[in-house]
C-alpha atoms as a PDB file:
ATOM      1  CA  MET A   1      81.772  43.882  56.616  1.00  0.00           C
ATOM      2  CA  GLU A   2      80.856  47.226  54.798  1.00  0.00           C
ATOM      3  CA  GLY A   3      83.040  49.934  55.987  1.00  0.00           C
ATOM      4  CA  ALA A   4      85.177  47.557  58.127  1.00  0.00           C
ATOM      5  CA  PRO A   5      87.848  49.386  59.899  1.00  0.00           C
ATOM      6  CA  VAL A   6      91.629  48.898  60.016  1.00  0.00           C
ATOM      7  CA  THR A   7      92.302  47.267  63.240  1.00  0.00           C
ATOM      8  CA  ALA A   8      95.213  45.993  65.283  1.00  0.00           C
ATOM      9  CA  ALA A   9      93.858  42.474  64.888  1.00  0.00           C
ATOM     10  CA  THR A  10      93.134  42.143  61.415  1.00  0.00           C
ATOM     11  CA  GLY A  11      95.001  44.923  59.640  1.00  0.00           C
ATOM     12  CA  VAL A  12      93.423  45.864  56.285  1.00  0.00           C
ATOM     13  CA  LEU A  13      91.889  42.415  55.748  1.00  0.00           C
ATOM     14  CA  GLY A  14      88.272  43.762  56.564  1.00  0.00           C
ATOM     15  CA  PRO A  15      88.446  46.698  53.999  1.00  0.00           C
ATOM     16  CA  VAL A  16      89.884  44.400  51.373  1.00  0.00           C
ATOM     17  CA  VAL A  17      87.053  41.924  51.787  1.00  0.00           C
ATOM     18  CA  ALA A  18      84.628  44.753  51.705  1.00  0.00           C
ATOM     19  CA  LYS A  19      86.092  46.137  48.404  1.00  0.00           C
ATOM     20  CA  LEU A  20      86.163  42.813  46.744  1.00  0.00           C
ATOM     21  CA  GLY A  21      82.481  42.324  47.650  1.00  0.00           C
ATOM     22  CA  ALA A  22      81.729  45.719  46.151  1.00  0.00           C
ATOM     23  CA  LEU A  23      83.432  44.682  43.003  1.00  0.00           C
ATOM     24  CA  LEU A  24      81.445  41.628  42.620  1.00  0.00           C
ATOM     25  CA  GLY A  25      78.179  43.665  43.436  1.00  0.00           C
ATOM     26  CA  SER A  26      79.032  46.387  40.907  1.00  0.00           C
ATOM     27  CA  GLU A  27      77.762  46.831  37.388  1.00  0.00           C
ATOM     28  CA  ASP A  28      81.269  46.810  35.865  1.00  0.00           C
ATOM     29  CA  LYS A  29      81.593  44.295  33.137  1.00  0.00           C
ATOM     30  CA  LEU A  30      84.340  41.848  34.520  1.00  0.00           C
ATOM     31  CA  ARG A  31      85.809  38.907  32.677  1.00  0.00           C
ATOM     32  CA  ARG A  32      84.510  35.486  33.994  1.00  0.00           C
ATOM     33  CA  GLN A  33      87.947  34.500  35.396  1.00  0.00           C
ATOM     34  CA  THR A  34      88.324  37.799  37.284  1.00  0.00           C
ATOM     35  CA  ARG A  35      84.933  37.193  38.933  1.00  0.00           C
ATOM     36  CA  LYS A  36      86.015  33.527  39.852  1.00  0.00           C
ATOM     37  CA  ASP A  37      89.312  34.803  41.266  1.00  0.00           C
ATOM     38  CA  ILE A  38      87.684  37.641  43.308  1.00  0.00           C
ATOM     39  CA  ARG A  39      85.031  35.265  44.731  1.00  0.00           C
ATOM     40  CA  PHE A  40      87.692  32.774  45.758  1.00  0.00           C
ATOM     41  CA  ILE A  41      90.141  35.181  47.417  1.00  0.00           C
ATOM     42  CA  LYS A  42      87.109  36.962  49.156  1.00  0.00           C
ATOM     43  CA  SER A  43      85.940  33.729  50.566  1.00  0.00           C
ATOM     44  CA  LYS A  44      89.398  32.834  51.957  1.00  0.00           C
ATOM     45  CA  LEU A  45      90.352  36.287  53.278  1.00  0.00           C
ATOM     46  CA  LYS A  46      86.996  36.379  55.014  1.00  0.00           C
ATOM     47  CA  SER A  47      87.609  33.150  56.749  1.00  0.00           C
ATOM     48  CA  MET A  48      91.217  34.383  57.683  1.00  0.00           C
ATOM     49  CA  HIS A  49      89.582  37.683  58.892  1.00  0.00           C
ATOM     50  CA  SER A  50      87.207  35.745  61.276  1.00  0.00           C
ATOM     51  CA  ILE A  51      90.072  33.690  62.740  1.00  0.00           C
ATOM     52  CA  LEU A  52      92.183  36.602  63.404  1.00  0.00           C
ATOM     53  CA  TRP A  53      89.334  38.654  64.952  1.00  0.00           C
ATOM     54  CA  ALA A  54      88.502  36.016  67.344  1.00  0.00           C
ATOM     55  CA  THR A  55      92.165  36.114  68.707  1.00  0.00           C
ATOM     56  CA  TRP A  56      93.155  39.785  68.758  1.00  0.00           C
ATOM     57  CA  GLU A  57      93.424  40.215  72.412  1.00  0.00           C
ATOM     58  CA  LYS A  58      96.008  37.456  72.927  1.00  0.00           C
ATOM     59  CA  GLU A  59      99.252  38.904  73.923  1.00  0.00           C
ATOM     60  CA  VAL A  60     101.837  35.936  74.392  1.00  0.00           C
ATOM     61  CA  LEU A  61     102.720  34.699  70.922  1.00  0.00           C
ATOM     62  CA  HIS A  62     104.676  31.610  69.654  1.00  0.00           C
ATOM     63  CA  ALA A  63     107.226  32.636  67.116  1.00  0.00           C
ATOM     64  CA  GLU A  64     105.595  30.416  64.583  1.00  0.00           C
ATOM     65  CA  SER A  65     102.163  31.892  65.240  1.00  0.00           C
ATOM     66  CA  LYS A  66     103.662  35.443  65.141  1.00  0.00           C
ATOM     67  CA  ASP A  67     105.182  34.923  61.742  1.00  0.00           C
ATOM     68  CA  LEU A  68     101.952  33.389  60.501  1.00  0.00           C
ATOM     69  CA  LYS A  69     100.001  36.356  61.640  1.00  0.00           C
ATOM     70  CA  LYS A  70     102.431  38.836  60.064  1.00  0.00           C
ATOM     71  CA  GLU A  71     102.316  36.966  56.786  1.00  0.00           C
ATOM     72  CA  ALA A  72      98.404  37.209  56.721  1.00  0.00           C
ATOM     73  CA  LEU A  73      98.568  40.908  57.275  1.00  0.00           C
ATOM     74  CA  ASP A  74     101.349  41.541  54.848  1.00  0.00           C
ATOM     75  CA  LEU A  75      99.127  39.569  52.311  1.00  0.00           C
ATOM     76  CA  ALA A  76      96.273  41.828  53.033  1.00  0.00           C
ATOM     77  CA  ASP A  77      98.296  44.862  52.583  1.00  0.00           C
ATOM     78  CA  ASN A  78      99.531  43.683  49.155  1.00  0.00           C
ATOM     79  CA  MET A  79      95.902  42.811  48.092  1.00  0.00           C
ATOM     80  CA  HIS A  80      94.723  46.303  49.446  1.00  0.00           C
ATOM     81  CA  ASP A  81      97.078  47.943  46.884  1.00  0.00           C
ATOM     82  CA  VAL A  82      96.102  45.549  43.937  1.00  0.00           C
ATOM     83  CA  VAL A  83      92.427  46.064  44.545  1.00  0.00           C
ATOM     84  CA  ASP A  84      92.724  49.894  44.602  1.00  0.00           C
ATOM     85  CA  ASP A  85      94.742  49.745  41.439  1.00  0.00           C
ATOM     86  CA  PHE A  86      92.367  47.737  39.604  1.00  0.00           C
ATOM     87  CA  ILE A  87      89.323  49.837  40.812  1.00  0.00           C
ATOM     88  CA  LEU A  88      91.121  52.985  39.565  1.00  0.00           C
ATOM     89  CA  THR A  89      91.798  51.299  36.349  1.00  0.00           C
ATOM     90  CA  MET A  90      88.184  50.290  35.950  1.00  0.00           C
ATOM     91  CA  GLU A  91      87.117  53.937  36.717  1.00  0.00           C
ATOM     92  CA  ARG A  92      89.402  55.277  33.978  1.00  0.00           C
ATOM     93  CA  SER A  93      87.825  52.772  31.424  1.00  0.00           C
ATOM     94  CA  ARG A  94      84.426  53.865  32.238  1.00  0.00           C
ATOM     95  CA  ARG A  95      85.307  57.495  31.825  1.00  0.00           C
ATOM     96  CA  SER A  96      86.507  56.548  28.321  1.00  0.00           C
ATOM     97  CA  LYS A  97      83.096  54.813  27.543  1.00  0.00           C
ATOM     98  CA  ASN A  98      84.771  51.517  26.956  1.00  0.00           C
ATOM     99  CA  LEU A  99      82.071  49.011  26.306  1.00  0.00           C
ATOM    100  CA  MET A 100      84.056  46.240  27.782  1.00  0.00           C
ATOM    101  CA  VAL A 101      85.622  48.084  30.715  1.00  0.00           C
ATOM    102  CA  GLN A 102      88.072  45.345  31.474  1.00  0.00           C
ATOM    103  CA  SER A 103      89.220  45.021  27.776  1.00  0.00           C
ATOM    104  CA  LYS A 104      92.502  46.916  28.427  1.00  0.00           C
ATOM    105  CA  ILE A 105      93.222  44.925  31.776  1.00  0.00           C
ATOM    106  CA  LYS A 106      95.097  41.704  31.773  1.00  0.00           C
ATOM    107  CA  ALA A 107      92.722  38.709  32.057  1.00  0.00           C
ATOM    108  CA  SER A 108      92.707  38.629  35.837  1.00  0.00           C
ATOM    109  CA  PRO A 109      94.974  40.864  37.993  1.00  0.00           C
ATOM    110  CA  PHE A 110      94.050  38.667  41.059  1.00  0.00           C
ATOM    111  CA  HIS A 111      95.008  35.221  39.577  1.00  0.00           C
ATOM    112  CA  ASP A 112      98.685  35.294  40.850  1.00  0.00           C
ATOM    113  CA  PHE A 113      97.228  35.841  44.507  1.00  0.00           C
ATOM    114  CA  ARG A 114      95.158  32.668  44.408  1.00  0.00           C
ATOM    115  CA  ALA A 115      97.624  30.179  45.372  1.00  0.00           C
ATOM    116  CA  ARG A 116      99.183  32.610  48.036  1.00  0.00           C
ATOM    117  CA  VAL A 117      95.802  33.345  49.643  1.00  0.00           C
ATOM    118  CA  ASP A 118      94.923  29.649  49.548  1.00  0.00           C
ATOM    119  CA  ASP A 119      98.184  28.768  51.239  1.00  0.00           C
ATOM    120  CA  VAL A 120      98.206  31.342  53.991  1.00  0.00           C
ATOM    121  CA  SER A 121      94.355  30.768  54.627  1.00  0.00           C
ATOM    122  CA  ALA A 122      94.774  26.943  54.873  1.00  0.00           C
ATOM    123  CA  ARG A 123      97.839  27.328  57.433  1.00  0.00           C
ATOM    124  CA  CYS A 124      95.716  29.736  59.546  1.00  0.00           C
ATOM    125  CA  ARG A 125      92.682  27.434  59.714  1.00  0.00           C
ATOM    126  CA  SER A 126      95.029  24.287  60.398  1.00  0.00           C
ATOM    127  CA  LYS A 127      96.757  26.287  63.332  1.00  0.00           C
ATOM    128  CA  TRP A 128      93.333  27.344  64.791  1.00  0.00           C
ATOM    129  CA  LYS A 129      91.803  23.679  64.439  1.00  0.00           C
ATOM    130  CA  SER A 130      95.142  22.478  66.183  1.00  0.00           C
ATOM    131  CA  ASP A 131      94.829  24.904  68.925  1.00  0.00           C
ATOM    132  CA  LYS A 132      90.995  24.362  69.219  1.00  0.00           C
ATOM    133  CA  LYS A 133      91.433  20.553  69.950  1.00  0.00           C
ATOM    134  CA  LYS A 134      94.141  21.373  72.731  1.00  0.00           C
ATOM    135  CA  SER A 135      91.762  23.755  74.554  1.00  0.00           C
ATOM    136  CA  ALA A 136      88.552  23.213  76.462  1.00  0.00           C
ATOM    137  CA  GLN A 137      87.263  26.716  75.229  1.00  0.00           C
ATOM    138  CA  PRO A 138      85.021  26.815  72.364  1.00  0.00           C
ATOM    139  CA  ILE A 139      87.528  28.968  70.381  1.00  0.00           C
ATOM    140  CA  SER A 140      91.210  28.761  71.677  1.00  0.00           C
ATOM    141  CA  SER A 141      94.068  31.043  70.925  1.00  0.00           C
ATOM    142  CA  LEU A 142      95.448  31.039  67.286  1.00  0.00           C
ATOM    143  CA  PHE A 143      98.571  32.832  68.303  1.00  0.00           C
ATOM    144  CA  SER A 144      98.840  32.556  72.089  1.00  0.00           C
ATOM    145  CA  ARG A 145     100.400  30.060  74.302  1.00  0.00           C
ATOM    146  CA  LYS A 146      97.549  30.933  76.820  1.00  0.00           C
ATOM    147  CA  ALA A 147      94.069  29.522  76.148  1.00  0.00           C
ATOM    148  CA  ALA A 148      91.136  31.944  76.057  1.00  0.00           C
ATOM    149  CA  LYS A 149      90.143  32.929  79.663  1.00  0.00           C
ATOM    150  CA  SER A 150      86.419  32.786  78.766  1.00  0.00           C
ATOM    151  CA  SER A 151      84.098  31.929  76.007  1.00  0.00           C
ATOM    152  CA  THR A 152      82.569  35.462  75.944  1.00  0.00           C
ATOM    153  CA  PRO A 153      83.469  37.211  72.714  1.00  0.00           C
ATOM    154  CA  SER A 154      85.914  40.070  73.056  1.00  0.00           C
ATOM    155  CA  LYS A 155      84.975  43.582  72.515  1.00  0.00           C
ATOM    156  CA  PRO A 156      85.851  45.008  69.303  1.00  0.00           C
ATOM    157  CA  PRO A 157      89.147  46.973  69.178  1.00  0.00           C
ATOM    158  CA  PRO A 158      88.584  50.873  68.919  1.00  0.00           C
ATOM    159  CA  LEU A 159      88.158  52.291  65.563  1.00  0.00           C
ATOM    160  CA  GLN A 160      91.139  54.588  65.904  1.00  0.00           C
ATOM    161  CA  ALA A 161      93.614  51.802  66.409  1.00  0.00           C
ATOM    162  CA  PRO A 162      95.079  50.938  62.996  1.00  0.00           C
ATOM    163  CA  PHE A 163      97.290  48.052  62.512  1.00  0.00           C
ATOM    164  CA  VAL A 164     100.954  48.941  62.659  1.00  0.00           C
ATOM    165  CA  SER A 165     103.639  46.274  61.907  1.00  0.00           C
ATOM    166  CA  LYS A 166     106.189  45.920  64.704  1.00  0.00           C
ATOM    167  CA  ASP A 167     108.861  45.712  61.871  1.00  0.00           C
ATOM    168  CA  ALA A 168     107.632  48.856  60.112  1.00  0.00           C
ATOM    169  CA  SER A 169     110.229  51.054  61.667  1.00  0.00           C
ATOM    170  CA  LYS A 170     112.941  48.811  60.171  1.00  0.00           C
ATOM    171  CA  LEU A 171     111.961  49.644  56.558  1.00  0.00           C
ATOM    172  CA  VAL A 172     114.515  51.772  54.736  1.00  0.00           C
ATOM    173  CA  GLY A 173     114.082  55.434  55.588  1.00  0.00           C
ATOM    174  CA  MET A 174     111.104  54.914  57.797  1.00  0.00           C
ATOM    175  CA  CYS A 175     112.832  55.757  61.198  1.00  0.00           C
ATOM    176  CA  LYS A 176     113.890  59.254  59.919  1.00  0.00           C
ATOM    177  CA  TRP A 177     110.341  59.858  58.200  1.00  0.00           C
ATOM    178  CA  ARG A 178     108.805  58.754  61.253  1.00  0.00           C
ATOM    179  CA  ASP A 179     110.800  60.956  63.509  1.00  0.00           C
ATOM    180  CA  ASP A 180     110.477  64.063  61.243  1.00  0.00           C
ATOM    181  CA  LEU A 181     106.592  63.570  61.057  1.00  0.00           C
ATOM    182  CA  ASN A 182     106.375  62.977  64.801  1.00  0.00           C
ATOM    183  CA  LYS A 183     108.319  66.179  65.559  1.00  0.00           C
ATOM    184  CA  TYR A 184     106.213  68.135  63.106  1.00  0.00           C
ATOM    185  CA  LEU A 185     102.858  66.877  64.658  1.00  0.00           C
ATOM    186  CA  VAL A 186     103.760  67.788  68.132  1.00  0.00           C
ATOM    187  CA  GLY A 187     105.388  71.229  67.344  1.00  0.00           C
ATOM    188  CA  GLU A 188     104.608  74.312  69.405  1.00  0.00           C
ATOM    189  CA  GLU A 189     102.844  76.084  66.550  1.00  0.00           C
ATOM    190  CA  ARG A 190      99.141  76.608  67.402  1.00  0.00           C
ATOM    191  CA  GLN A 191      98.103  77.149  63.737  1.00  0.00           C
ATOM    192  CA  LEU A 192      96.532  74.198  62.033  1.00  0.00           C
ATOM    193  CA  LYS A 193      99.055  72.314  60.094  1.00  0.00           C
ATOM    194  CA  MET A 194      99.087  69.798  57.284  1.00  0.00           C
ATOM    195  CA  ALA A 195     101.585  67.161  56.299  1.00  0.00           C
ATOM    196  CA  SER A 196     101.489  65.073  52.985  1.00  0.00           C
ATOM    197  CA  ILE A 197     102.850  61.677  52.469  1.00  0.00           C
ATOM    198  CA  ILE A 198     103.197  61.020  48.607  1.00  0.00           C
ATOM    199  CA  GLY A 199     103.980  57.922  46.813  1.00  0.00           C
ATOM    200  CA  MET A 200     102.730  55.015  44.520  1.00  0.00           C
ATOM    201  CA  ALA A 201     101.310  51.809  45.720  1.00  0.00           C
ATOM    202  CA  GLY A 202     103.604  49.802  47.740  1.00  0.00           C
ATOM    203  CA  THR A 203     105.994  52.511  48.768  1.00  0.00           C
ATOM    204  CA  GLY A 204     105.096  52.526  52.568  1.00  0.00           C
ATOM    205  CA  LYS A 205     102.987  55.808  52.786  1.00  0.00           C
ATOM    206  CA  THR A 206     100.220  54.075  54.596  1.00  0.00           C
ATOM    207  CA  THR A 207     102.620  52.023  56.829  1.00  0.00           C
ATOM    208  CA  LEU A 208     104.321  55.310  57.793  1.00  0.00           C
ATOM    209  CA  ALA A 209     101.157  57.038  58.525  1.00  0.00           C
ATOM    210  CA  ARG A 210     100.033  54.012  60.669  1.00  0.00           C
ATOM    211  CA  LEU A 211     103.418  53.966  62.550  1.00  0.00           C
ATOM    212  CA  VAL A 212     102.967  57.785  63.579  1.00  0.00           C
ATOM    213  CA  TYR A 213      99.205  57.314  64.503  1.00  0.00           C
ATOM    214  CA  GLY A 214      99.963  54.250  66.663  1.00  0.00           C
ATOM    215  CA  ASP A 215     102.667  56.216  68.643  1.00  0.00           C
ATOM    216  CA  GLU A 216     101.540  56.537  72.272  1.00  0.00           C
ATOM    217  CA  ALA A 217     103.444  59.775  72.499  1.00  0.00           C
ATOM    218  CA  ILE A 218     101.665  61.282  69.637  1.00  0.00           C
ATOM    219  CA  GLU A 219      98.226  59.892  70.872  1.00  0.00           C
ATOM    220  CA  ASN A 220      98.641  61.591  74.271  1.00  0.00           C
ATOM    221  CA  GLN A 221      99.057  65.153  72.572  1.00  0.00           C
ATOM    222  CA  PHE A 222      95.570  65.160  70.866  1.00  0.00           C
ATOM    223  CA  GLN A 223      92.053  65.304  72.399  1.00  0.00           C
ATOM    224  CA  SER A 224      90.454  63.862  69.275  1.00  0.00           C
ATOM    225  CA  ARG A 225      91.788  61.668  66.402  1.00  0.00           C
ATOM    226  CA  ALA A 226      90.765  59.925  63.344  1.00  0.00           C
ATOM    227  CA  PHE A 227      92.443  57.646  60.750  1.00  0.00           C
ATOM    228  CA  VAL A 228      90.237  56.984  57.771  1.00  0.00           C
ATOM    229  CA  SER A 229      91.072  55.275  54.486  1.00  0.00           C
ATOM    230  CA  VAL A 230      89.631  56.415  51.132  1.00  0.00           C
ATOM    231  CA  THR A 231      88.812  54.209  48.113  1.00  0.00           C
ATOM    232  CA  PRO A 232      89.306  55.548  44.548  1.00  0.00           C
ATOM    233  CA  THR A 233      85.530  55.888  44.265  1.00  0.00           C
ATOM    234  CA  PRO A 234      84.255  56.710  47.621  1.00  0.00           C
ATOM    235  CA  ASN A 235      80.865  57.169  49.137  1.00  0.00           C
ATOM    236  CA  MET A 236      81.595  60.608  50.757  1.00  0.00           C
ATOM    237  CA  LYS A 237      78.853  60.243  53.205  1.00  0.00           C
ATOM    238  CA  GLU A 238      80.319  56.994  54.469  1.00  0.00           C
ATOM    239  CA  VAL A 239      83.818  58.432  54.675  1.00  0.00           C
ATOM    240  CA  LEU A 240      82.490  61.538  56.487  1.00  0.00           C
ATOM    241  CA  THR A 241      80.410  59.348  58.861  1.00  0.00           C
ATOM    242  CA  ARG A 242      83.728  57.337  59.814  1.00  0.00           C
ATOM    243  CA  ILE A 243      85.386  60.634  60.573  1.00  0.00           C
ATOM    244  CA  LEU A 244      82.542  61.869  62.850  1.00  0.00           C
ATOM    245  CA  GLN A 245      82.509  58.361  64.662  1.00  0.00           C
ATOM    246  CA  GLN A 246      86.263  58.206  65.209  1.00  0.00           C
ATOM    247  CA  VAL A 247      86.672  61.764  66.519  1.00  0.00           C
ATOM    248  CA  GLY A 248      83.893  61.137  69.077  1.00  0.00           C
ATOM    249  CA  ALA A 249      81.197  63.415  67.669  1.00  0.00           C
ATOM    250  CA  GLN A 250      77.478  62.937  67.879  1.00  0.00           C
ATOM    251  CA  PRO A 251      75.732  62.154  64.642  1.00  0.00           C
ATOM    252  CA  PRO A 252      73.134  64.760  63.319  1.00  0.00           C
ATOM    253  CA  ALA A 253      69.446  63.825  64.440  1.00  0.00           C
ATOM    254  CA  GLY A 254      66.868  62.558  62.168  1.00  0.00           C
ATOM    255  CA  ASN A 255      66.992  63.398  58.333  1.00  0.00           C
ATOM    256  CA  GLN A 256      69.837  65.645  58.973  1.00  0.00           C
ATOM    257  CA  ALA A 257      72.035  62.542  59.340  1.00  0.00           C
ATOM    258  CA  ARG A 258      71.525  61.803  55.717  1.00  0.00           C
ATOM    259  CA  SER A 259      73.098  65.067  54.438  1.00  0.00           C
ATOM    260  CA  GLU A 260      76.844  65.403  53.891  1.00  0.00           C
ATOM    261  CA  GLU A 261      76.493  69.131  54.797  1.00  0.00           C
ATOM    262  CA  HIS A 262      75.168  68.284  58.272  1.00  0.00           C
ATOM    263  CA  ILE A 263      77.748  65.635  58.992  1.00  0.00           C
ATOM    264  CA  ILE A 264      80.500  68.196  57.908  1.00  0.00           C
ATOM    265  CA  HIS A 265      78.751  70.634  60.413  1.00  0.00           C
ATOM    266  CA  ALA A 266      78.623  68.151  63.246  1.00  0.00           C
ATOM    267  CA  ILE A 267      82.330  67.365  62.799  1.00  0.00           C
ATOM    268  CA  SER A 268      83.506  70.870  62.601  1.00  0.00           C
ATOM    269  CA  ASN A 269      81.520  72.089  65.501  1.00  0.00           C
ATOM    270  CA  PHE A 270      82.755  69.195  67.665  1.00  0.00           C
ATOM    271  CA  LEU A 271      86.509  69.781  66.884  1.00  0.00           C
ATOM    272  CA  GLN A 272      85.984  73.618  67.232  1.00  0.00           C
ATOM    273  CA  ASP A 273      87.612  73.692  70.818  1.00  0.00           C
ATOM    274  CA  LYS A 274      89.687  70.452  70.618  1.00  0.00           C
ATOM    275  CA  ARG A 275      93.161  69.804  69.535  1.00  0.00           C
ATOM    276  CA  TYR A 276      92.778  67.106  66.977  1.00  0.00           C
ATOM    277  CA  LEU A 277      94.741  64.903  64.702  1.00  0.00           C
ATOM    278  CA  VAL A 278      93.141  63.484  61.425  1.00  0.00           C
ATOM    279  CA  ILE A 279      94.987  61.202  59.061  1.00  0.00           C
ATOM    280  CA  ILE A 280      93.177  60.729  55.606  1.00  0.00           C
ATOM    281  CA  ASP A 281      94.767  57.842  53.991  1.00  0.00           C
ATOM    282  CA  ASP A 282      95.060  57.388  50.251  1.00  0.00           C
ATOM    283  CA  ILE A 283      92.953  60.106  48.924  1.00  0.00           C
ATOM    284  CA  TRP A 284      92.684  60.074  45.310  1.00  0.00           C
ATOM    285  CA  HIS A 285      90.988  63.161  43.761  1.00  0.00           C
ATOM    286  CA  ARG A 286      91.018  66.922  44.590  1.00  0.00           C
ATOM    287  CA  GLY A 287      87.003  67.003  44.679  1.00  0.00           C
ATOM    288  CA  GLU A 288      86.790  64.495  47.403  1.00  0.00           C
ATOM    289  CA  TRP A 289      89.476  66.346  49.445  1.00  0.00           C
ATOM    290  CA  ASP A 290      87.687  69.664  49.010  1.00  0.00           C
ATOM    291  CA  ILE A 291      84.665  67.981  50.789  1.00  0.00           C
ATOM    292  CA  ILE A 292      86.610  66.324  53.536  1.00  0.00           C
ATOM    293  CA  ARG A 293      88.592  69.400  54.259  1.00  0.00           C
ATOM    294  CA  ARG A 294      85.721  71.597  55.228  1.00  0.00           C
ATOM    295  CA  SER A 295      85.049  69.406  58.289  1.00  0.00           C
ATOM    296  CA  PHE A 296      88.465  70.692  59.838  1.00  0.00           C
ATOM    297  CA  PRO A 297      88.236  73.943  61.721  1.00  0.00           C
ATOM    298  CA  GLU A 298      91.268  76.279  61.935  1.00  0.00           C
ATOM    299  CA  ASN A 299      90.978  76.585  65.727  1.00  0.00           C
ATOM    300  CA  ASN A 300      94.641  77.530  66.599  1.00  0.00           C
ATOM    301  CA  LEU A 301      94.999  74.895  69.118  1.00  0.00           C
ATOM    302  CA  GLY A 302      97.785  72.938  67.632  1.00  0.00           C
ATOM    303  CA  SER A 303      95.590  70.651  65.365  1.00  0.00           C
ATOM    304  CA  ARG A 304      97.257  68.649  62.764  1.00  0.00           C
ATOM    305  CA  ILE A 305      95.969  66.911  59.377  1.00  0.00           C
ATOM    306  CA  VAL A 306      98.076  64.309  57.577  1.00  0.00           C
ATOM    307  CA  ILE A 307      97.072  63.096  54.091  1.00  0.00           C
ATOM    308  CA  THR A 308      98.563  60.224  52.104  1.00  0.00           C
ATOM    309  CA  THR A 309      98.040  60.148  48.370  1.00  0.00           C
ATOM    310  CA  ARG A 310      99.517  59.005  44.928  1.00  0.00           C
ATOM    311  CA  ASN A 311      98.604  62.438  43.511  1.00  0.00           C
ATOM    312  CA  ALA A 312     101.450  64.805  44.084  1.00  0.00           C
ATOM    313  CA  THR A 313      99.280  67.743  42.682  1.00  0.00           C
ATOM    314  CA  LEU A 314      96.269  67.111  45.085  1.00  0.00           C
ATOM    315  CA  LEU A 315      96.505  69.973  47.425  1.00  0.00           C
ATOM    316  CA  PRO A 316      95.394  73.346  46.243  1.00  0.00           C
ATOM    317  CA  GLY A 317      97.368  76.684  46.966  1.00  0.00           C
ATOM    318  CA  ASP A 318      95.683  77.661  50.249  1.00  0.00           C
ATOM    319  CA  ASP A 319      96.321  74.093  51.666  1.00  0.00           C
ATOM    320  CA  LEU A 320      99.885  74.122  50.369  1.00  0.00           C
ATOM    321  CA  GLU A 321     100.410  77.190  52.705  1.00  0.00           C
ATOM    322  CA  ASN A 322      99.628  74.973  55.663  1.00  0.00           C
ATOM    323  CA  SER A 323     101.390  71.936  54.431  1.00  0.00           C
ATOM    324  CA  LYS A 324     105.006  72.513  55.350  1.00  0.00           C
ATOM    325  CA  LEU A 325     106.066  68.871  55.562  1.00  0.00           C
ATOM    326  CA  ASN A 326     105.879  66.824  52.359  1.00  0.00           C
ATOM    327  CA  ILE A 327     107.354  63.326  52.450  1.00  0.00           C
ATOM    328  CA  ARG A 328     107.847  61.796  49.052  1.00  0.00           C
ATOM    329  CA  MET A 329     108.167  57.966  49.305  1.00  0.00           C
ATOM    330  CA  ASN A 330     109.155  57.490  45.694  1.00  0.00           C
ATOM    331  CA  THR A 331     112.310  59.687  45.848  1.00  0.00           C
ATOM    332  CA  GLY A 332     113.196  59.282  49.646  1.00  0.00           C
ATOM    333  CA  ARG A 333     112.946  62.987  50.045  1.00  0.00           C
ATOM    334  CA  CYS A 334     111.406  64.663  53.119  1.00  0.00           C
ATOM    335  CA  ARG A 335     111.019  68.380  52.609  1.00  0.00           C
ATOM    336  CA  CYS A 336     110.012  71.007  54.805  1.00  0.00           C
ATOM    337  CA  SER A 337     108.973  74.341  53.228  1.00  0.00           C
ATOM    338  CA  ASP A 338     110.808  76.366  56.083  1.00  0.00           C
ATOM    339  CA  GLU A 339     113.914  74.838  54.977  1.00  0.00           C
ATOM    340  CA  ALA A 340     116.227  76.845  52.433  1.00  0.00           C
END
């Protein structure tokens, strides 16, 4: 599940499971209870991910099943923020050369999630088993009134289809932010433009970005698109490779595929004659943004870049000139630099 994408079926469940696995495999000194909690939660979420993935194409939903699916995806969103915050805290501890890197972190930041994860996972599995008994198919619908039409596994959803909650637009202020961002992205200016969505964990910045990215009217305006999430300590080659795959570019051949520079060059060359939209979600550090930014050519075709970040000082001066729309989720402000 390494590099698992955000999908309509599973939300951020895949990335969360991958991050939990990375924590277990890291050299960081975690407390015993923390490791136990991570293993438990990872196991339950992985099972939940498998069930949701097997049923992602089902369209007709029972009210009960729809609520259960939404609860599972909301849980994944909450866990995503908690895991990222924990990774960042561990990174800061390492930089301070703290011998026991978790010494300043409460015993287990995941402990409070155990009961909730166990409950949702158990109900998902119970529903799946119940539907399985009612259907002649090997795996029946968890959330659909209709049984699966065949036993052939469904094709994976496209990488560029991040999960968007149908209730996201009802969040306070979300409609206005969405409309402002939509208008900015499809504007007539041909110059490459950027927009930034700034806010701490849980303020809705990723939800807003997904809401806009999943808008069909926005999708039809661009020839190439990508939505890529970044972790606090990313493998930059993997991040660049995900961008390359989602925009539809061909990977470099041979040994060149191992080089960040060649991947950047491949992305830039491919996008040179295309109107593109790229959303980089939850970028943490200036150095990483400087690397990613070099992939995007200024081709004067109306291309747009959106970043979400917790770091209000991330953008350097030259990028600020192109970033005329800045949405601050913490304060509820949406400011365009063209405004007086």
